[in-house]
Amino acid sequence: VTQGATPRDDISCFVQPSQETVDAIESLSKQAGSRLVALVNPQWRIIDDALDKASRSENAFGKFASFLGGKGNSLRRLEELGFETVFVLEG
């Protein structure tokens, strides 16, 4: 967390967040309101494996795939919070 001159100027930044930190990101984002919350170098791949693809579904199998490690539910939660991809460099 970086403190600005006034509380409305504060920003929060998660460096190398993973799926395990989505709860904390969600909590802080709700508290931050309109203030900036940034994710730098998130630790999930752009390319999907079988669990990732299945976890994007909202049915029972999708929920099970998320439980097993698919990233679909985590990404959906971040999208609902308004997070956007601004810059991606994948090697």
N, C-alpha and C. Protein backbone atom coordinates (compact mmCIF):
# COMPACT_ATOMS: atom_id res chain seq x y z
N VAL A 1 0.85 -1.17 0.00
CA VAL A 1 0.00 0.00 0.00
C VAL A 1 0.90 1.23 0.00
N THR A 2 0.56 2.16 -0.85
CA THR A 2 1.27 3.43 -0.90
C THR A 2 0.32 4.53 -0.46
N GLN A 3 0.76 5.34 0.48
CA GLN A 3 -0.09 6.41 0.98
C GLN A 3 0.21 7.70 0.22
N GLY A 4 -0.86 8.30 -0.29
CA GLY A 4 -0.73 9.59 -0.95
C GLY A 4 -0.91 10.71 0.06
N ALA A 5 -0.97 11.91 -0.45
CA ALA A 5 -1.15 13.08 0.42
C ALA A 5 -2.50 13.03 1.13
N THR A 6 -3.50 12.46 0.45
CA THR A 6 -4.82 12.27 1.05
C THR A 6 -5.23 10.82 0.82
N PRO A 7 -6.16 10.30 1.62
CA PRO A 7 -6.58 8.90 1.45
C PRO A 7 -7.07 8.58 0.05
N ARG A 8 -7.69 9.53 -0.64
CA ARG A 8 -8.19 9.24 -1.99
C ARG A 8 -7.06 9.04 -3.00
N ASP A 9 -5.83 9.42 -2.63
CA ASP A 9 -4.67 9.25 -3.51
C ASP A 9 -3.91 7.96 -3.23
N ASP A 10 -4.34 7.18 -2.24
CA ASP A 10 -3.66 5.92 -1.91
C ASP A 10 -3.82 4.92 -3.04
N ILE A 11 -2.83 4.05 -3.21
CA ILE A 11 -2.94 2.95 -4.16
C ILE A 11 -2.49 1.66 -3.46
N SER A 12 -2.94 0.54 -3.99
CA SER A 12 -2.52 -0.76 -3.49
C SER A 12 -2.01 -1.58 -4.67
N CYS A 13 -0.98 -2.36 -4.44
CA CYS A 13 -0.38 -3.14 -5.51
C CYS A 13 -0.01 -4.52 -4.98
N PHE A 14 -0.46 -5.55 -5.68
CA PHE A 14 -0.08 -6.92 -5.36
C PHE A 14 0.99 -7.35 -6.37
N VAL A 15 2.16 -7.73 -5.87
CA VAL A 15 3.25 -8.17 -6.74
C VAL A 15 3.27 -9.70 -6.75
N GLN A 16 3.22 -10.27 -7.93
CA GLN A 16 3.19 -11.71 -8.17
C GLN A 16 2.03 -12.40 -7.43
N PRO A 17 0.80 -11.87 -7.58
CA PRO A 17 -0.32 -12.55 -6.93
C PRO A 17 -0.60 -13.90 -7.57
N SER A 18 -1.15 -14.80 -6.80
CA SER A 18 -1.51 -16.13 -7.31
C SER A 18 -3.00 -16.36 -7.03
N GLN A 19 -3.51 -17.50 -7.46
CA GLN A 19 -4.91 -17.82 -7.22
C GLN A 19 -5.23 -17.84 -5.73
N GLU A 20 -4.24 -18.15 -4.91
CA GLU A 20 -4.44 -18.21 -3.47
C GLU A 20 -4.64 -16.84 -2.84
N THR A 21 -4.28 -15.76 -3.55
CA THR A 21 -4.42 -14.42 -2.99
C THR A 21 -5.66 -13.69 -3.50
N VAL A 22 -6.49 -14.34 -4.30
CA VAL A 22 -7.67 -13.68 -4.87
C VAL A 22 -8.62 -13.20 -3.77
N ASP A 23 -8.75 -13.95 -2.68
CA ASP A 23 -9.61 -13.50 -1.57
C ASP A 23 -9.13 -12.17 -1.01
N ALA A 24 -7.82 -12.04 -0.80
CA ALA A 24 -7.25 -10.79 -0.28
C ALA A 24 -7.41 -9.66 -1.29
N ILE A 25 -7.22 -9.96 -2.57
CA ILE A 25 -7.38 -8.95 -3.61
C ILE A 25 -8.83 -8.47 -3.64
N GLU A 26 -9.76 -9.40 -3.55
CA GLU A 26 -11.18 -9.06 -3.56
C GLU A 26 -11.55 -8.19 -2.36
N SER A 27 -11.06 -8.56 -1.19
CA SER A 27 -11.36 -7.81 0.04
C SER A 27 -10.80 -6.38 -0.05
N LEU A 28 -9.54 -6.26 -0.43
CA LEU A 28 -8.91 -4.94 -0.50
C LEU A 28 -9.55 -4.09 -1.59
N SER A 29 -9.92 -4.70 -2.70
CA SER A 29 -10.54 -3.95 -3.79
C SER A 29 -11.87 -3.36 -3.37
N LYS A 30 -12.64 -4.12 -2.61
CA LYS A 30 -13.93 -3.61 -2.13
C LYS A 30 -13.72 -2.46 -1.15
N GLN A 31 -12.69 -2.55 -0.31
CA GLN A 31 -12.39 -1.48 0.64
C GLN A 31 -11.86 -0.23 -0.07
N ALA A 32 -11.12 -0.44 -1.16
CA ALA A 32 -10.48 0.67 -1.86
C ALA A 32 -11.47 1.55 -2.61
N GLY A 33 -12.61 0.99 -2.98
CA GLY A 33 -13.57 1.79 -3.74
C GLY A 33 -13.02 2.19 -5.08
N SER A 34 -12.93 3.50 -5.33
CA SER A 34 -12.46 3.99 -6.63
C SER A 34 -10.94 4.15 -6.71
N ARG A 35 -10.24 3.87 -5.61
CA ARG A 35 -8.78 4.00 -5.62
C ARG A 35 -8.14 2.87 -6.42
N LEU A 36 -6.93 3.09 -6.90
CA LEU A 36 -6.23 2.15 -7.75
C LEU A 36 -5.76 0.92 -6.98
N VAL A 37 -6.05 -0.26 -7.52
CA VAL A 37 -5.50 -1.52 -7.03
C VAL A 37 -4.90 -2.20 -8.25
N ALA A 38 -3.60 -2.50 -8.21
CA ALA A 38 -2.90 -3.06 -9.37
C ALA A 38 -2.37 -4.46 -9.05
N LEU A 39 -2.37 -5.32 -10.07
CA LEU A 39 -1.76 -6.64 -9.99
C LEU A 39 -0.56 -6.64 -10.92
N VAL A 40 0.63 -6.85 -10.37
CA VAL A 40 1.85 -6.83 -11.15
C VAL A 40 2.41 -8.24 -11.24
N ASN A 41 2.60 -8.71 -12.46
CA ASN A 41 3.18 -10.03 -12.72
C ASN A 41 2.39 -11.16 -12.05
N PRO A 42 1.08 -11.26 -12.35
CA PRO A 42 0.29 -12.34 -11.74
C PRO A 42 0.84 -13.70 -12.13
N GLN A 43 0.71 -14.65 -11.24
CA GLN A 43 1.33 -15.96 -11.42
C GLN A 43 0.36 -16.99 -11.99
N TRP A 44 -0.46 -16.58 -12.95
CA TRP A 44 -1.25 -17.55 -13.69
C TRP A 44 -0.94 -17.35 -15.17
N ARG A 45 -0.93 -18.45 -15.89
CA ARG A 45 -0.56 -18.43 -17.30
C ARG A 45 -1.72 -17.93 -18.16
N ILE A 46 -1.39 -17.38 -19.31
CA ILE A 46 -2.41 -16.99 -20.27
C ILE A 46 -2.95 -18.24 -20.97
N ILE A 47 -2.10 -19.20 -21.22
CA ILE A 47 -2.50 -20.44 -21.89
C ILE A 47 -3.26 -21.32 -20.91
N ASP A 48 -4.36 -21.90 -21.36
CA ASP A 48 -5.19 -22.75 -20.51
C ASP A 48 -4.84 -24.22 -20.67
N ASP A 49 -4.83 -24.94 -19.55
CA ASP A 49 -4.77 -26.40 -19.61
C ASP A 49 -6.21 -26.91 -19.50
N ALA A 50 -6.39 -28.21 -19.42
CA ALA A 50 -7.74 -28.80 -19.41
C ALA A 50 -8.57 -28.32 -18.21
N LEU A 51 -7.96 -28.23 -17.03
CA LEU A 51 -8.70 -27.77 -15.84
C LEU A 51 -9.10 -26.30 -15.97
N ASP A 52 -8.21 -25.50 -16.55
CA ASP A 52 -8.52 -24.08 -16.71
C ASP A 52 -9.73 -23.91 -17.63
N LYS A 53 -9.73 -24.62 -18.74
CA LYS A 53 -10.86 -24.52 -19.68
C LYS A 53 -12.15 -24.99 -19.02
N ALA A 54 -12.10 -26.11 -18.34
CA ALA A 54 -13.31 -26.65 -17.70
C ALA A 54 -13.80 -25.72 -16.59
N SER A 55 -12.88 -25.08 -15.87
CA SER A 55 -13.28 -24.25 -14.73
C SER A 55 -13.96 -22.95 -15.15
N ARG A 56 -13.93 -22.62 -16.41
CA ARG A 56 -14.62 -21.42 -16.90
C ARG A 56 -16.13 -21.63 -16.98
N SER A 57 -16.55 -22.89 -16.95
CA SER A 57 -17.97 -23.22 -16.99
C SER A 57 -18.56 -23.03 -15.59
N GLU A 58 -19.83 -22.64 -15.54
CA GLU A 58 -20.47 -22.42 -14.24
C GLU A 58 -21.24 -23.64 -13.75
N ASN A 59 -21.15 -24.75 -14.48
CA ASN A 59 -21.87 -25.96 -14.05
C ASN A 59 -21.08 -26.70 -12.96
N ALA A 60 -21.60 -27.83 -12.52
CA ALA A 60 -20.97 -28.60 -11.44
C ALA A 60 -19.56 -29.04 -11.81
N PHE A 61 -19.36 -29.46 -13.05
CA PHE A 61 -18.03 -29.89 -13.48
C PHE A 61 -17.05 -28.71 -13.45
N GLY A 62 -17.52 -27.52 -13.83
CA GLY A 62 -16.67 -26.33 -13.78
C GLY A 62 -16.26 -25.98 -12.37
N LYS A 63 -17.18 -26.10 -11.44
CA LYS A 63 -16.86 -25.83 -10.03
C LYS A 63 -15.86 -26.84 -9.49
N PHE A 64 -16.02 -28.10 -9.92
CA PHE A 64 -15.09 -29.14 -9.50
C PHE A 64 -13.70 -28.88 -10.09
N ALA A 65 -13.65 -28.46 -11.36
CA ALA A 65 -12.36 -28.14 -12.00
C ALA A 65 -11.69 -26.96 -11.30
N SER A 66 -12.47 -25.98 -10.85
CA SER A 66 -11.90 -24.86 -10.09
C SER A 66 -11.33 -25.35 -8.77
N PHE A 67 -12.05 -26.24 -8.12
CA PHE A 67 -11.59 -26.81 -6.85
C PHE A 67 -10.26 -27.54 -7.04
N LEU A 68 -10.10 -28.20 -8.19
CA LEU A 68 -8.86 -28.94 -8.47
C LEU A 68 -7.71 -28.05 -8.94
N GLY A 69 -7.96 -26.76 -9.11
CA GLY A 69 -6.87 -25.85 -9.47
C GLY A 69 -7.07 -25.06 -10.73
N GLY A 70 -8.20 -25.24 -11.40
CA GLY A 70 -8.46 -24.43 -12.59
C GLY A 70 -8.62 -22.97 -12.23
N LYS A 71 -8.14 -22.09 -13.08
CA LYS A 71 -8.12 -20.66 -12.75
C LYS A 71 -9.38 -19.90 -13.15
N GLY A 72 -10.34 -20.56 -13.77
CA GLY A 72 -11.53 -19.89 -14.28
C GLY A 72 -12.29 -19.09 -13.25
N ASN A 73 -12.54 -19.66 -12.08
CA ASN A 73 -13.28 -18.95 -11.04
C ASN A 73 -12.50 -17.74 -10.53
N SER A 74 -11.21 -17.87 -10.37
CA SER A 74 -10.39 -16.73 -9.90
C SER A 74 -10.44 -15.59 -10.91
N LEU A 75 -10.29 -15.91 -12.19
CA LEU A 75 -10.32 -14.87 -13.21
C LEU A 75 -11.70 -14.23 -13.31
N ARG A 76 -12.74 -15.02 -13.16
CA ARG A 76 -14.11 -14.50 -13.19
C ARG A 76 -14.34 -13.51 -12.04
N ARG A 77 -13.85 -13.86 -10.86
CA ARG A 77 -13.99 -12.96 -9.71
C ARG A 77 -13.26 -11.63 -9.95
N LEU A 78 -12.06 -11.70 -10.53
CA LEU A 78 -11.31 -10.48 -10.81
C LEU A 78 -12.01 -9.64 -11.87
N GLU A 79 -12.58 -10.27 -12.88
CA GLU A 79 -13.32 -9.55 -13.92
C GLU A 79 -14.53 -8.84 -13.31
N GLU A 80 -15.22 -9.51 -12.38
CA GLU A 80 -16.38 -8.90 -11.72
C GLU A 80 -15.98 -7.67 -10.90
N LEU A 81 -14.74 -7.65 -10.41
CA LEU A 81 -14.24 -6.50 -9.65
C LEU A 81 -13.79 -5.36 -10.57
N GLY A 82 -13.73 -5.63 -11.87
CA GLY A 82 -13.35 -4.59 -12.83
C GLY A 82 -11.89 -4.57 -13.22
N PHE A 83 -11.13 -5.60 -12.87
CA PHE A 83 -9.72 -5.64 -13.27
C PHE A 83 -9.62 -5.83 -14.78
N GLU A 84 -8.66 -5.15 -15.39
CA GLU A 84 -8.43 -5.24 -16.82
C GLU A 84 -6.96 -5.52 -17.07
N THR A 85 -6.68 -6.27 -18.13
CA THR A 85 -5.30 -6.48 -18.55
C THR A 85 -4.86 -5.25 -19.31
N VAL A 86 -3.77 -4.65 -18.83
CA VAL A 86 -3.27 -3.42 -19.45
C VAL A 86 -2.05 -3.70 -20.30
N PHE A 87 -1.16 -4.56 -19.83
CA PHE A 87 0.06 -4.87 -20.56
C PHE A 87 0.44 -6.31 -20.27
N VAL A 88 0.69 -7.09 -21.32
CA VAL A 88 1.08 -8.49 -21.16
C VAL A 88 2.29 -8.76 -22.04
N LEU A 89 3.30 -9.36 -21.45
CA LEU A 89 4.48 -9.80 -22.19
C LEU A 89 4.73 -11.23 -21.76
N GLU A 90 4.45 -12.17 -22.65
CA GLU A 90 4.63 -13.57 -22.31
C GLU A 90 5.71 -14.16 -23.20
N GLY A 91 6.67 -14.82 -22.57
CA GLY A 91 7.78 -15.39 -23.35
C GLY A 91 7.74 -16.87 -23.43
